Amino acid sequence: MTIRLPAALSAALVAFLATAALTLGPWAGAARAHEGHDHSEAAAAPGVEAPRGTSSTDALELVAVARDGRLTVFLDRADTNEPVADATITGETPAGQATAVAAPDGSYRLDAPWSATPGAYDVLFTVTVGGRADLFPVDIDVPAPPAPAVEPAPWHAGLAVAHDFGAHLRSADPMPFLVGGAGFVLGILATVLMRARRGVAAVALLVLAAGLLFAPSAFAHGDDDHDAPTPMAAAGAQDLARRLPDGSVFVPKPTQRVLTLRTLVTASGVLARTTELPGRIIADPNGSGVVQSSVGGRLSPPESGLFPRLGSPVRKGEVLAFVTPPVQAVDVSDMRQRQGELDQQIAIVARRVERYRKLSPGGAVSQVQIDDADAELKGLVDRRKALDGVRSQPEALAAPVSGVVAEANAVAGQMASPGAMVFKIVDPARLWVEALSFDALASTADATARLADGRRLELAYRGAGLADRAQAVPIQFAVRDAPPELRTGQFVTVLAATDTQQTGLALPRLSVVRGGNGQTLVYEHVAPERFAPREVQVEPLDAARVRVVSGLKPGQRIVTQGSELLNQIR
C-alpha cells in the first residue's frame, strides 16, 4: 500500500529535514570537540625531546639542551661516560659570549633567551679541562610549534548531541537560529513553487543552496580555541628514555646520570684460557683450631658461668670450659689405700727428720743425712697433694688460637668423651678455598672465585696435592680480603687459568644481558645519547670477566655498568 502526500506537504517535509540537518550539524561538530577530547593526533605520538645539539672529541662528549630560555650542557668523558664536573665552559651564542655555571647535578647552565624563538642556531663552546682547551661546535634547531589537527568524529559522537544541545541554546552564537529561520522561509517558498507546479527537486536545490551559504559560518563554533598550543608542544619539553624503531635506545643525559651508565673501549689482548672448578670455603690450617678433652669427664662452664656462644670472639689461651673426670668406686678404694700409705710414710719420715735435727748439735748425725730426710719428706707430701688433685681439680679447655667460635657442642653437665670436639675456633680473616681440578692448571697461578650471588673473590695459590681425590687433584687458595659474610663449607666456583693462551676481547660480566628471545646482548654507545644492542657470543674468562668470541671488534664503546637497567627500557 502506497501513501501519497500532497505536493505542498512533501515539499515542506523536505525543507524541514534539510534545515534540521544543517541546524544540528554545528552541534554534532561541537559534540565531537566537546571538553575532554583531544583534537591533536600528535598528542599520541612518542615523546619528542627538547631541542639539542651534540659535539665530541677523542676525549670528551658535549650535549647542549635548550629548554625554557636556557642551555643545559652535559660534559662526559668519551671512553668511560663519566661526568666531568671540574671544567670551565664558555659559549659563543647568537646573543654574545656567555660563561656556563656549574649545577649541583654535574651539568652546566647558561642563559639563552634566543633559544625560545624557532630557528637554526650555531653555538661554539670552549671547554677547558686540566689545562687543555677544546672547541665544540654545536648546531641547535628550535622547531616551530606544530599546526593543530582535527580529529575525526568517533562513532559515539552523536550521543553527545543531546548533552550539548542546551548549552548551545544558551550560547551567544545566533547562527543556528538564523539557519532555522531560513529553513522556515524556504518551506513557505517551496509551497508556493508547488502551487506553481514546480518540482520537488527545485525545492531541494533551494534548501541545499541556503545550507551551503550558511554552513561555513555555522561550523565555526566559537567555544573552541584552535589557536591554543597542542599537547605536542607541551610534550616537547620532556626528555624521556625510549626504545627507537630500529631497536636502539635513546637515553637523555640526565637519565644516564641517574642510571650511572659507564662504558669502556674494547681492545684486543692475549688472554689465558680459564677453567671452572668446584670448590668450597675451608679454614686456614694455621688460623683455626679445635678444643678437645684429653680425658673423659663432665663439662662445666668457665669462671664467667657461661659457655662462649657461636660467633663470639675468643683469644688464644682463654679458658672456654672445664672437664671434671669421673672417679669409679674401685678407683676410689685404691686412692684411699694409696693415701693411707703416703700418710704413714710421711709420718715416719717426719719423725726421722725431727730426731736427726735433735742429734745434729752433738755430731751424731751429719748434715747430709738431715738434708736427705727433708727431701724425702717433701716428695711424699707432693705426691699426697697430687693424689688429692686427681679427685677434685678439673681439666681446663683453652682456645688454641684467636678467632671466633665456629662450632660449639658444650652443655653444662654433659659427659665429654676423650678426643671429642667441644669447640672449633676459626679466624674469619684467614680463610682458604679448596678446589678439585681435573685439568692441568698453570703452576702457582692465582685465581678468582664466584659466589652464588655473583660476588667475586680474589684467590692466592697456596699449593696442590700429589694424591688424587676422586680422580681429581685438590688445589688450595687463600682468600684475599675475605668478606665477613663467608662461612666455612660454603660452595664457590673457582676460575683458574690454564697454560693455554688466546687472543680476544675481555668485558665485565655485568656488560652481558639477555634479550627478549634469550640471545646474549651487549649495548654499544654509538652516540652521546643513543645505545644500540649488539648480539655476541661469550665464554667465561674469570669471576668478573668474559671473553667475546664473536660479535664485537676493537675500538667499540660498550656499556659496562647499568646495562641491565638499559635493557629494561621499552
Protein backbone atom coordinates (compact mmCIF):
# COMPACT_ATOMS: atom_id res chain seq x y z
CA MET A 1 0.00 0.00 0.00
CA THR A 2 1.47 3.32 -1.06
CA ILE A 3 0.69 6.57 0.75
CA ARG A 4 0.72 9.67 -1.44
CA LEU A 5 1.17 13.02 0.30
CA PRO A 6 0.04 16.28 -1.14
CA ALA A 7 2.73 18.01 -3.11
CA ALA A 8 2.82 21.02 -0.78
CA LEU A 9 3.22 18.80 2.27
CA SER A 10 6.02 16.84 0.61
CA ALA A 11 7.95 19.98 -0.22
CA ALA A 12 7.55 21.33 3.30
CA LEU A 13 8.81 17.99 4.75
CA VAL A 14 11.91 18.00 2.54
CA ALA A 15 12.71 21.57 3.51
CA PHE A 16 12.28 20.78 7.19
CA LEU A 17 14.61 17.74 7.12
CA ALA A 18 17.33 19.56 5.21
CA THR A 19 17.12 22.55 7.51
CA ALA A 20 17.24 20.36 10.61
CA ALA A 21 20.35 18.60 9.31
CA LEU A 22 22.08 21.91 8.67
CA THR A 23 20.98 23.30 12.03
CA LEU A 24 22.07 20.27 14.09
CA GLY A 25 25.29 19.85 12.09
CA PRO A 26 27.20 22.50 14.07
CA TRP A 27 26.06 20.92 17.34
CA ALA A 28 27.21 17.49 16.15
CA GLY A 29 30.59 19.01 15.29
CA ALA A 30 30.69 20.66 18.68
CA ALA A 31 29.85 17.33 20.29
CA ARG A 32 32.84 15.79 18.57
CA ALA A 33 35.01 18.52 20.04
CA HIS A 34 33.40 18.78 23.45
CA GLU A 35 35.51 19.12 26.55
CA GLY A 36 37.58 16.04 27.46
CA HIS A 37 38.52 15.06 23.85
CA ASP A 38 41.94 15.60 22.29
CA HIS A 39 41.90 17.33 18.88
CA SER A 40 45.51 16.56 18.07
CA GLU A 41 46.80 13.29 16.67
CA ALA A 42 50.30 14.39 17.59
CA ALA A 43 49.49 14.00 21.28
CA ALA A 44 49.53 10.25 20.87
CA ALA A 45 52.92 10.27 19.17
CA PRO A 46 56.04 9.17 21.04
CA GLY A 47 57.75 11.71 23.32
CA VAL A 48 59.77 14.33 21.45
CA GLU A 49 62.92 15.55 23.11
CA ALA A 50 63.78 19.18 23.64
CA PRO A 51 65.97 20.92 21.02
CA ARG A 52 69.54 19.75 21.47
CA GLY A 53 72.94 19.60 19.84
CA THR A 54 75.95 17.32 20.31
CA SER A 55 79.66 17.51 19.64
CA SER A 56 82.60 15.34 20.64
CA THR A 57 86.35 14.88 20.52
CA ASP A 58 88.53 11.87 21.18
CA ALA A 59 88.43 12.59 24.91
CA LEU A 60 85.14 14.38 25.66
CA GLU A 61 81.47 14.45 24.62
CA LEU A 62 79.24 17.51 24.91
CA VAL A 63 75.44 17.67 24.77
CA ALA A 64 73.59 21.00 24.89
CA VAL A 65 69.83 21.01 25.57
CA ALA A 66 67.65 24.11 25.08
CA ARG A 67 64.71 24.48 27.43
CA ASP A 68 62.85 27.46 28.94
CA GLY A 69 65.28 30.03 27.53
CA ARG A 70 68.34 28.28 28.99
CA LEU A 71 71.02 25.92 27.73
CA THR A 72 71.95 22.93 29.87
CA VAL A 73 75.36 21.50 28.94
CA PHE A 74 76.41 17.93 29.82
CA LEU A 75 80.10 17.07 29.55
CA ASP A 76 81.30 13.45 29.78
CA ARG A 77 84.45 11.50 29.06
CA ALA A 78 84.20 9.75 25.71
CA ASP A 79 85.72 6.43 26.77
CA THR A 80 84.07 5.85 30.17
CA ASN A 81 80.99 8.12 30.00
CA GLU A 82 81.93 9.59 33.39
CA PRO A 83 80.67 13.14 34.05
CA VAL A 84 83.27 15.91 34.06
CA ALA A 85 82.43 18.31 36.88
CA ASP A 86 85.61 20.43 37.05
CA ALA A 87 85.54 22.03 33.59
CA THR A 88 85.31 25.66 32.52
CA ILE A 89 82.82 26.18 29.67
CA THR A 90 82.23 29.36 27.66
CA GLY A 91 79.94 29.65 24.65
CA GLU A 92 79.76 31.96 21.63
CA THR A 93 75.99 32.30 21.26
CA PRO A 94 73.81 34.47 18.98
CA ALA A 95 73.46 36.84 21.95
CA GLY A 96 77.22 37.06 22.54
CA GLN A 97 79.71 35.25 24.74
CA ALA A 98 78.39 33.58 27.91
CA THR A 99 80.02 31.51 30.66
CA ALA A 100 78.31 28.38 31.92
CA VAL A 101 77.76 27.92 35.65
CA ALA A 102 78.19 24.50 37.25
CA ALA A 103 74.97 22.97 38.64
CA PRO A 104 74.73 20.61 41.64
CA ASP A 105 73.82 17.67 39.37
CA GLY A 106 77.13 17.88 37.49
CA SER A 107 75.79 19.79 34.46
CA TYR A 108 76.49 23.37 33.35
CA ARG A 109 73.89 26.04 32.59
CA LEU A 110 73.86 29.37 30.80
CA ASP A 111 71.08 31.79 29.87
CA ALA A 112 69.91 31.61 26.23
CA PRO A 113 66.72 33.65 25.68
CA TRP A 114 67.23 33.33 21.92
CA SER A 115 66.51 29.59 22.15
CA ALA A 116 62.82 30.31 22.77
CA THR A 117 62.44 31.54 19.16
CA PRO A 118 62.19 28.94 16.36
CA GLY A 119 65.22 28.79 14.10
CA ALA A 120 68.63 27.20 13.50
CA TYR A 121 71.46 28.40 15.76
CA ASP A 122 75.20 27.74 15.84
CA VAL A 123 76.95 27.79 19.21
CA LEU A 124 80.71 27.36 19.70
CA PHE A 125 81.68 26.04 23.14
CA THR A 126 85.21 26.33 24.53
CA VAL A 127 85.85 23.67 27.19
CA THR A 128 88.92 23.75 29.42
CA VAL A 129 89.70 20.63 31.47
CA GLY A 130 93.00 20.13 33.28
CA GLY A 131 94.68 23.00 31.43
CA ARG A 132 93.67 21.68 28.00
CA ALA A 133 91.12 23.58 25.89
CA ASP A 134 88.92 22.04 23.19
CA LEU A 135 86.35 23.55 20.80
CA PHE A 136 82.90 22.02 20.44
CA PRO A 137 80.71 23.43 17.60
CA VAL A 138 77.03 22.66 18.21
CA ASP A 139 74.02 23.14 15.91
CA ILE A 140 70.70 23.64 17.72
CA ASP A 141 67.50 23.59 15.66
CA VAL A 142 64.49 25.01 17.51
CA PRO A 143 61.39 23.88 15.56
CA ALA A 144 58.19 25.87 15.19
CA PRO A 145 55.13 24.68 17.13
CA PRO A 146 53.20 22.06 15.12
CA ALA A 147 49.90 23.01 13.48
CA PRO A 148 46.77 21.67 15.13
CA ALA A 149 44.96 18.75 13.53
CA VAL A 150 41.23 17.94 13.61
CA GLU A 151 40.36 14.55 14.94
CA PRO A 152 37.73 12.54 13.02
CA ALA A 153 34.45 12.08 14.81
CA PRO A 154 34.26 8.88 16.85
CA TRP A 155 31.33 6.52 16.47
CA HIS A 156 29.72 7.72 19.69
CA ALA A 157 29.84 11.42 18.79
CA GLY A 158 26.09 11.52 18.10
CA LEU A 159 25.36 10.56 21.70
CA ALA A 160 26.83 13.83 22.88
CA VAL A 161 24.40 15.96 20.80
CA ALA A 162 21.66 15.83 23.39
CA HIS A 163 24.16 16.66 26.15
CA ASP A 164 25.38 19.80 24.37
CA PHE A 165 22.02 20.89 22.97
CA GLY A 166 21.03 23.00 25.96
CA ALA A 167 24.47 24.56 26.20
CA HIS A 168 24.33 25.70 22.57
CA LEU A 169 20.88 27.18 23.06
CA ARG A 170 22.27 29.33 25.85
CA SER A 171 25.29 30.41 23.79
CA ALA A 172 25.51 33.83 22.20
CA ASP A 173 26.05 32.50 18.68
CA PRO A 174 22.83 33.35 16.66
CA MET A 175 23.87 31.47 13.53
CA PRO A 176 21.89 28.26 14.22
CA PHE A 177 18.72 30.25 14.78
CA LEU A 178 19.23 32.16 11.52
CA VAL A 179 19.59 28.87 9.71
CA GLY A 180 16.36 27.63 11.30
CA GLY A 181 14.52 30.78 10.22
CA ALA A 182 15.85 30.45 6.72
CA GLY A 183 14.53 26.92 6.62
CA PHE A 184 11.08 28.09 7.61
CA VAL A 185 11.08 30.70 4.86
CA LEU A 186 12.25 28.12 2.37
CA GLY A 187 9.38 25.85 3.39
CA ILE A 188 6.85 28.58 2.53
CA LEU A 189 8.67 29.25 -0.72
CA ALA A 190 8.52 25.56 -1.56
CA THR A 191 4.73 25.58 -1.06
CA VAL A 192 4.36 28.48 -3.50
CA LEU A 193 6.52 26.74 -6.04
CA MET A 194 4.46 23.57 -5.78
CA ARG A 195 1.31 25.51 -6.41
CA ALA A 196 3.08 26.95 -9.42
CA ARG A 197 3.59 23.31 -10.47
CA ARG A 198 7.32 23.28 -9.82
CA GLY A 199 9.00 20.02 -8.97
CA VAL A 200 10.17 18.84 -5.57
CA ALA A 201 13.74 18.82 -6.94
CA ALA A 202 13.64 22.60 -7.23
CA VAL A 203 12.77 22.84 -3.55
CA ALA A 204 15.69 20.59 -2.60
CA LEU A 205 18.07 22.69 -4.67
CA LEU A 206 16.96 25.86 -2.91
CA VAL A 207 17.39 24.28 0.50
CA LEU A 208 20.89 22.96 -0.42
CA ALA A 209 21.92 26.39 -1.73
CA ALA A 210 20.86 28.06 1.51
CA GLY A 211 22.68 25.42 3.53
CA LEU A 212 25.89 25.95 1.60
CA LEU A 213 25.58 29.66 2.15
CA PHE A 214 25.22 29.46 5.92
CA ALA A 215 27.09 26.25 6.73
CA PRO A 216 30.68 27.57 6.75
CA SER A 217 29.96 30.16 9.40
CA ALA A 218 27.76 27.76 11.36
CA PHE A 219 30.52 25.16 11.75
CA ALA A 220 32.89 27.75 13.11
CA HIS A 221 31.59 27.43 16.68
CA GLY A 222 33.19 29.99 18.92
CA ASP A 223 33.75 27.90 22.05
CA ASP A 224 36.75 26.03 20.59
CA ASP A 225 40.13 27.72 20.58
CA HIS A 226 42.00 26.31 17.57
CA ASP A 227 44.99 28.55 18.12
CA ALA A 228 45.78 27.13 21.58
CA PRO A 229 49.02 25.14 21.87
CA THR A 230 48.60 21.44 21.30
CA PRO A 231 49.68 18.75 23.72
CA MET A 232 52.64 18.08 21.43
CA ALA A 233 54.10 21.43 22.34
CA ALA A 234 53.94 20.51 25.99
CA ALA A 235 55.36 17.05 25.34
CA GLY A 236 58.36 18.54 23.58
CA ALA A 237 59.64 19.87 26.90
CA GLN A 238 60.13 16.35 28.27
CA ASP A 239 63.14 14.13 27.60
CA LEU A 240 62.07 10.52 28.11
CA ALA A 241 64.22 7.45 27.60
CA ARG A 242 62.63 5.20 24.99
CA ARG A 243 63.42 2.43 22.55
CA LEU A 244 63.57 3.55 18.93
CA PRO A 245 62.04 1.63 15.99
CA ASP A 246 65.46 0.27 14.93
CA GLY A 247 65.94 -1.37 18.37
CA SER A 248 68.40 1.19 19.74
CA VAL A 249 67.67 3.09 22.94
CA PHE A 250 67.54 6.86 23.30
CA VAL A 251 68.67 7.83 26.81
CA PRO A 252 68.92 11.55 27.66
CA LYS A 253 71.98 12.65 29.57
CA PRO A 254 70.06 13.33 32.83
CA THR A 255 68.76 9.76 32.74
CA GLN A 256 72.26 8.45 32.06
CA ARG A 257 73.43 10.20 35.23
CA VAL A 258 70.62 8.58 37.23
CA LEU A 259 71.33 5.09 35.83
CA THR A 260 75.11 5.60 36.26
CA LEU A 261 75.91 4.27 32.81
CA ARG A 262 79.62 3.57 32.28
CA THR A 263 81.45 2.34 29.19
CA LEU A 264 84.85 1.10 28.05
CA VAL A 265 86.58 0.93 24.69
CA THR A 266 87.21 -2.66 23.63
CA ALA A 267 90.80 -3.68 22.95
CA SER A 268 92.27 -6.97 21.82
CA GLY A 269 94.81 -8.70 24.05
CA VAL A 270 96.41 -12.01 24.95
CA LEU A 271 94.26 -13.80 27.49
CA ALA A 272 94.83 -17.03 29.39
CA ARG A 273 92.21 -19.70 28.90
CA THR A 274 90.41 -20.45 32.16
CA THR A 275 88.59 -23.44 33.52
CA GLU A 276 85.79 -23.64 36.08
CA LEU A 277 86.43 -25.78 39.16
CA PRO A 278 84.10 -26.76 42.00
CA GLY A 279 85.34 -25.53 45.35
CA ARG A 280 84.35 -24.80 48.92
CA ILE A 281 85.46 -22.48 51.70
CA ILE A 282 87.73 -24.05 54.32
CA ALA A 283 89.56 -22.66 57.33
CA ASP A 284 93.24 -21.76 57.18
CA PRO A 285 95.07 -24.60 59.00
CA ASN A 286 97.26 -22.01 60.72
CA GLY A 287 94.32 -19.78 61.59
CA SER A 288 91.92 -22.30 63.11
CA GLY A 289 91.87 -24.92 65.86
CA VAL A 290 89.69 -27.34 67.81
CA VAL A 291 89.15 -27.63 71.56
CA GLN A 292 89.08 -31.26 72.76
CA SER A 293 89.18 -33.01 76.09
CA SER A 294 92.12 -35.33 76.70
CA VAL A 295 90.17 -37.34 79.28
CA GLY A 296 86.51 -38.09 79.55
CA GLY A 297 84.56 -36.10 82.07
CA ARG A 298 81.68 -33.82 82.89
CA LEU A 299 81.61 -30.38 81.23
CA SER A 300 81.19 -27.25 83.27
CA PRO A 301 81.30 -23.57 82.25
CA PRO A 302 84.33 -21.34 82.91
CA GLU A 303 84.59 -18.87 85.78
CA SER A 304 82.23 -16.45 83.99
CA GLY A 305 79.49 -19.06 84.32
CA LEU A 306 78.65 -19.06 80.59
CA PHE A 307 79.95 -21.07 77.67
CA PRO A 308 81.03 -18.94 74.67
CA ARG A 309 78.24 -18.77 72.08
CA LEU A 310 78.53 -19.18 68.32
CA GLY A 311 80.23 -16.26 66.61
CA SER A 312 81.65 -14.79 69.80
CA PRO A 313 85.34 -13.75 69.60
CA VAL A 314 87.89 -15.54 71.78
CA ARG A 315 91.58 -15.02 72.47
CA LYS A 316 94.34 -17.55 72.41
CA GLY A 317 94.71 -19.22 75.83
CA GLU A 318 91.25 -18.15 77.04
CA VAL A 319 89.55 -20.88 79.12
CA LEU A 320 86.32 -21.90 77.44
CA ALA A 321 85.17 -24.81 79.66
CA PHE A 322 86.24 -27.29 82.32
CA VAL A 323 86.14 -31.09 82.27
CA THR A 324 85.84 -32.91 85.60
CA PRO A 325 86.90 -36.57 85.17
CA PRO A 326 84.64 -39.10 86.89
CA VAL A 327 86.08 -41.42 89.61
CA GLN A 328 84.89 -45.03 89.74
CA ALA A 329 84.26 -46.91 93.04
CA VAL A 330 87.28 -49.17 92.52
CA ASP A 331 89.44 -46.19 91.83
CA VAL A 332 88.22 -44.51 94.99
CA SER A 333 89.20 -47.55 97.08
CA ASP A 334 92.66 -47.69 95.53
CA MET A 335 93.12 -43.97 96.01
CA ARG A 336 92.16 -44.16 99.67
CA GLN A 337 94.60 -47.06 100.21
CA ARG A 338 97.33 -45.12 98.47
CA GLN A 339 96.55 -42.05 100.54
CA GLY A 340 96.86 -44.07 103.73
CA GLU A 341 100.24 -45.46 102.72
CA LEU A 342 101.50 -41.99 101.86
CA ASP A 343 100.23 -40.58 105.15
CA GLN A 344 102.08 -43.36 107.05
CA GLN A 345 105.34 -42.78 105.18
CA ILE A 346 105.06 -39.03 105.70
CA ALA A 347 104.66 -39.54 109.45
CA ILE A 348 107.70 -41.90 109.67
CA VAL A 349 109.94 -39.62 107.64
CA ALA A 350 108.78 -36.60 109.62
CA ARG A 351 109.80 -38.24 112.95
CA ARG A 352 113.14 -39.20 111.45
CA VAL A 353 113.83 -35.66 110.36
CA GLU A 354 112.91 -34.41 113.81
CA ARG A 355 115.26 -36.94 115.51
CA TYR A 356 118.15 -36.08 113.16
CA ARG A 357 117.80 -32.43 113.99
CA LYS A 358 117.95 -33.16 117.73
CA LEU A 359 121.13 -35.24 117.30
CA SER A 360 122.79 -32.83 114.94
CA PRO A 361 124.30 -30.47 117.58
CA GLY A 362 126.24 -33.38 119.18
CA GLY A 363 127.72 -34.50 115.88
CA ALA A 364 125.99 -37.88 115.88
CA VAL A 365 124.16 -37.12 112.60
CA SER A 366 125.70 -35.35 109.66
CA GLN A 367 124.06 -32.53 107.75
CA VAL A 368 123.85 -34.71 104.64
CA GLN A 369 121.56 -37.18 106.37
CA ILE A 370 119.34 -34.37 107.54
CA ASP A 371 119.05 -32.93 104.00
CA ASP A 372 118.20 -36.35 102.52
CA ALA A 373 115.46 -36.84 105.05
CA ASP A 374 113.96 -33.40 104.31
CA ALA A 375 113.94 -34.12 100.56
CA GLU A 376 112.22 -37.49 101.10
CA LEU A 377 109.59 -35.81 103.26
CA LYS A 378 108.92 -33.10 100.66
CA GLY A 379 108.47 -35.67 97.89
CA LEU A 380 105.95 -37.66 99.93
CA VAL A 381 103.93 -34.51 100.66
CA ASP A 382 103.83 -33.53 96.96
CA ARG A 383 102.64 -36.99 95.97
CA ARG A 384 99.88 -36.75 98.57
CA LYS A 385 98.71 -33.40 97.19
CA ALA A 386 98.74 -34.68 93.61
CA LEU A 387 96.59 -37.62 94.61
CA ASP A 388 94.05 -35.27 96.17
CA GLY A 389 94.05 -33.12 92.99
CA VAL A 390 93.10 -36.03 90.79
CA ARG A 391 89.75 -36.26 92.53
CA SER A 392 88.97 -32.53 92.82
CA GLN A 393 90.75 -30.47 90.09
CA PRO A 394 89.07 -30.47 86.58
CA GLU A 395 90.84 -30.07 83.21
CA ALA A 396 90.73 -26.56 81.69
CA LEU A 397 89.88 -26.36 77.97
CA ALA A 398 91.61 -23.30 76.44
CA ALA A 399 91.40 -21.78 72.95
CA PRO A 400 94.44 -22.74 70.82
CA VAL A 401 94.14 -19.69 68.50
CA SER A 402 92.40 -16.33 68.40
CA GLY A 403 89.24 -16.07 66.32
CA VAL A 404 85.51 -16.68 66.62
CA VAL A 405 83.60 -19.73 67.77
CA ALA A 406 82.54 -21.57 64.61
CA GLU A 407 81.15 -24.69 66.31
CA ALA A 408 80.07 -25.28 69.91
CA ASN A 409 78.97 -28.59 71.44
CA ALA A 410 79.15 -27.68 75.13
CA VAL A 411 76.22 -28.15 77.52
CA ALA A 412 76.53 -27.88 81.29
CA GLY A 413 76.65 -31.34 82.86
CA GLN A 414 77.30 -33.11 79.56
CA MET A 415 79.73 -36.04 79.61
CA ALA A 416 82.51 -35.45 77.11
CA SER A 417 84.31 -38.40 75.62
CA PRO A 418 88.12 -38.34 75.28
CA GLY A 419 89.07 -36.66 71.97
CA ALA A 420 85.56 -35.28 71.32
CA MET A 421 85.49 -31.77 69.80
CA VAL A 422 83.88 -29.31 72.18
CA PHE A 423 84.65 -26.04 70.29
CA LYS A 424 86.00 -25.08 66.87
CA ILE A 425 87.77 -21.73 66.54
CA VAL A 426 88.19 -20.05 63.14
CA ASP A 427 89.83 -16.74 62.22
CA PRO A 428 87.35 -15.20 59.71
CA ALA A 429 90.09 -13.08 58.16
CA ARG A 430 92.11 -16.17 57.22
CA LEU A 431 90.01 -18.42 55.00
CA TRP A 432 91.01 -20.71 52.15
CA VAL A 433 89.30 -22.26 49.15
CA GLU A 434 89.89 -25.88 48.23
CA ALA A 435 89.06 -26.81 44.63
CA LEU A 436 89.22 -30.07 42.72
CA SER A 437 90.92 -29.87 39.33
CA PHE A 438 90.58 -32.42 36.53
CA ASP A 439 92.84 -30.46 34.14
CA ALA A 440 96.44 -29.36 34.23
CA LEU A 441 96.48 -25.81 35.59
CA ALA A 442 99.16 -23.18 35.36
CA SER A 443 101.50 -23.82 38.27
CA THR A 444 101.48 -21.30 41.13
CA ALA A 445 98.90 -19.18 39.27
CA ASP A 446 96.39 -17.12 41.18
CA ALA A 447 92.68 -17.49 40.51
CA THR A 448 89.28 -15.96 41.22
CA ALA A 449 86.14 -17.41 42.71
CA ARG A 450 82.47 -16.53 42.17
CA LEU A 451 79.85 -16.92 44.89
CA ALA A 452 76.26 -17.94 44.23
CA ASP A 453 75.10 -14.30 44.38
CA GLY A 454 77.69 -13.20 41.81
CA ARG A 455 80.24 -11.70 44.17
CA ARG A 456 83.89 -12.12 43.30
CA LEU A 457 86.77 -13.36 45.48
CA GLU A 458 90.47 -12.89 44.77
CA LEU A 459 92.45 -16.07 45.44
CA ALA A 460 96.18 -16.62 46.01
CA TYR A 461 97.70 -20.01 45.16
CA ARG A 462 98.90 -21.99 48.19
CA GLY A 463 99.56 -25.48 46.90
CA ALA A 464 98.29 -28.61 45.17
CA GLY A 465 98.12 -32.19 46.35
CA LEU A 466 100.06 -35.07 44.83
CA ALA A 467 97.47 -37.73 45.63
CA ASP A 468 94.27 -37.95 43.60
CA ARG A 469 90.95 -37.45 45.32
CA ALA A 470 88.13 -39.00 43.29
CA GLN A 471 90.29 -38.77 40.14
CA ALA A 472 90.94 -35.07 40.81
CA VAL A 473 93.81 -33.09 42.30
CA PRO A 474 92.97 -30.87 45.30
CA ILE A 475 94.25 -27.31 44.94
CA GLN A 476 94.18 -24.79 47.77
CA PHE A 477 93.99 -21.00 47.51
CA ALA A 478 93.96 -18.30 50.17
CA VAL A 479 91.15 -15.74 50.02
CA ARG A 480 92.45 -12.20 49.80
CA ASP A 481 90.49 -9.66 51.84
CA ALA A 482 87.83 -12.17 52.78
CA PRO A 483 84.42 -10.54 53.35
CA PRO A 484 82.84 -11.14 56.75
CA GLU A 485 79.88 -12.99 55.19
CA LEU A 486 81.96 -16.01 54.17
CA ARG A 487 81.35 -19.27 56.01
CA THR A 488 83.35 -22.47 56.07
CA GLY A 489 81.80 -25.16 53.90
CA GLN A 490 80.26 -22.60 51.52
CA PHE A 491 80.44 -23.71 47.85
CA VAL A 492 82.05 -21.47 45.24
CA THR A 493 83.03 -21.68 41.58
CA VAL A 494 86.76 -21.26 41.07
CA LEU A 495 88.00 -19.91 37.74
CA ALA A 496 91.66 -20.81 37.37
CA ALA A 497 93.97 -20.08 34.46
CA THR A 498 95.48 -22.81 32.33
CA ASP A 499 98.71 -22.78 30.32
CA THR A 500 96.80 -22.14 27.06
CA GLN A 501 96.95 -18.56 25.70
CA GLN A 502 94.43 -16.97 23.34
CA THR A 503 93.68 -13.60 21.77
CA GLY A 504 90.35 -11.83 22.27
CA LEU A 505 88.31 -9.04 23.81
CA ALA A 506 87.61 -9.02 27.54
CA LEU A 507 84.44 -7.48 29.01
CA PRO A 508 83.00 -7.38 32.52
CA ARG A 509 80.28 -9.95 33.18
CA LEU A 510 77.88 -7.13 34.04
CA SER A 511 78.03 -5.97 30.42
CA VAL A 512 76.26 -9.07 29.13
CA VAL A 513 72.45 -9.21 29.32
CA ARG A 514 69.72 -11.41 27.89
CA GLY A 515 67.48 -10.22 25.07
CA GLY A 516 63.79 -10.86 24.64
CA ASN A 517 64.32 -14.13 22.80
CA GLY A 518 67.18 -15.30 25.02
CA GLN A 519 70.10 -14.08 22.92
CA THR A 520 73.23 -12.70 24.56
CA LEU A 521 73.48 -8.92 24.15
CA VAL A 522 75.77 -6.03 24.95
CA TYR A 523 74.99 -2.35 24.37
CA GLU A 524 77.26 -0.15 22.27
CA HIS A 525 77.44 3.60 22.93
CA VAL A 526 77.03 4.75 19.33
CA ALA A 527 76.09 8.38 20.06
CA PRO A 528 76.14 10.62 23.12
CA GLU A 529 72.50 9.77 23.86
CA ARG A 530 71.93 6.57 21.89
CA PHE A 531 72.81 2.96 22.66
CA ALA A 532 72.49 0.08 20.19
CA PRO A 533 72.21 -3.62 21.16
CA ARG A 534 74.84 -5.97 19.74
CA GLU A 535 74.41 -9.75 19.75
CA VAL A 536 77.59 -11.50 20.92
CA GLN A 537 78.93 -14.90 21.92
CA VAL A 538 80.98 -15.06 25.12
CA GLU A 539 82.81 -17.58 27.27
CA PRO A 540 83.97 -17.24 30.90
CA LEU A 541 87.37 -15.68 31.47
CA ASP A 542 87.36 -15.28 35.25
CA ALA A 543 84.89 -14.47 38.01
CA ALA A 544 84.45 -10.88 36.81
CA ARG A 545 85.17 -11.01 33.06
CA VAL A 546 84.12 -12.85 29.92
CA ARG A 547 85.85 -13.26 26.57
CA VAL A 548 83.94 -12.15 23.48
CA VAL A 549 84.11 -14.90 20.89
CA SER A 550 82.19 -13.05 18.16
CA GLY A 551 80.02 -10.00 17.62
CA LEU A 552 82.44 -7.18 18.51
CA LYS A 553 85.65 -5.69 17.24
CA PRO A 554 88.29 -3.48 18.91
CA GLY A 555 87.51 0.21 19.36
CA GLN A 556 83.79 -0.07 20.19
CA ARG A 557 82.39 1.60 23.28
CA ILE A 558 80.47 -0.98 25.30
CA VAL A 559 78.34 -0.35 28.38
CA THR A 560 79.94 -1.97 31.44
CA GLN A 561 77.71 -0.61 34.20
CA GLY A 562 73.94 -0.17 34.07
CA SER A 563 73.39 -2.42 31.04
CA GLU A 564 70.69 -4.41 32.86
CA LEU A 565 68.72 -1.21 33.52
CA LEU A 566 69.29 -0.12 29.93
CA ASN A 567 67.86 -3.41 28.72
CA GLN A 568 64.58 -2.74 30.56
CA ILE A 569 63.77 0.45 28.62
CA ARG A 570 60.85 -0.04 26.23
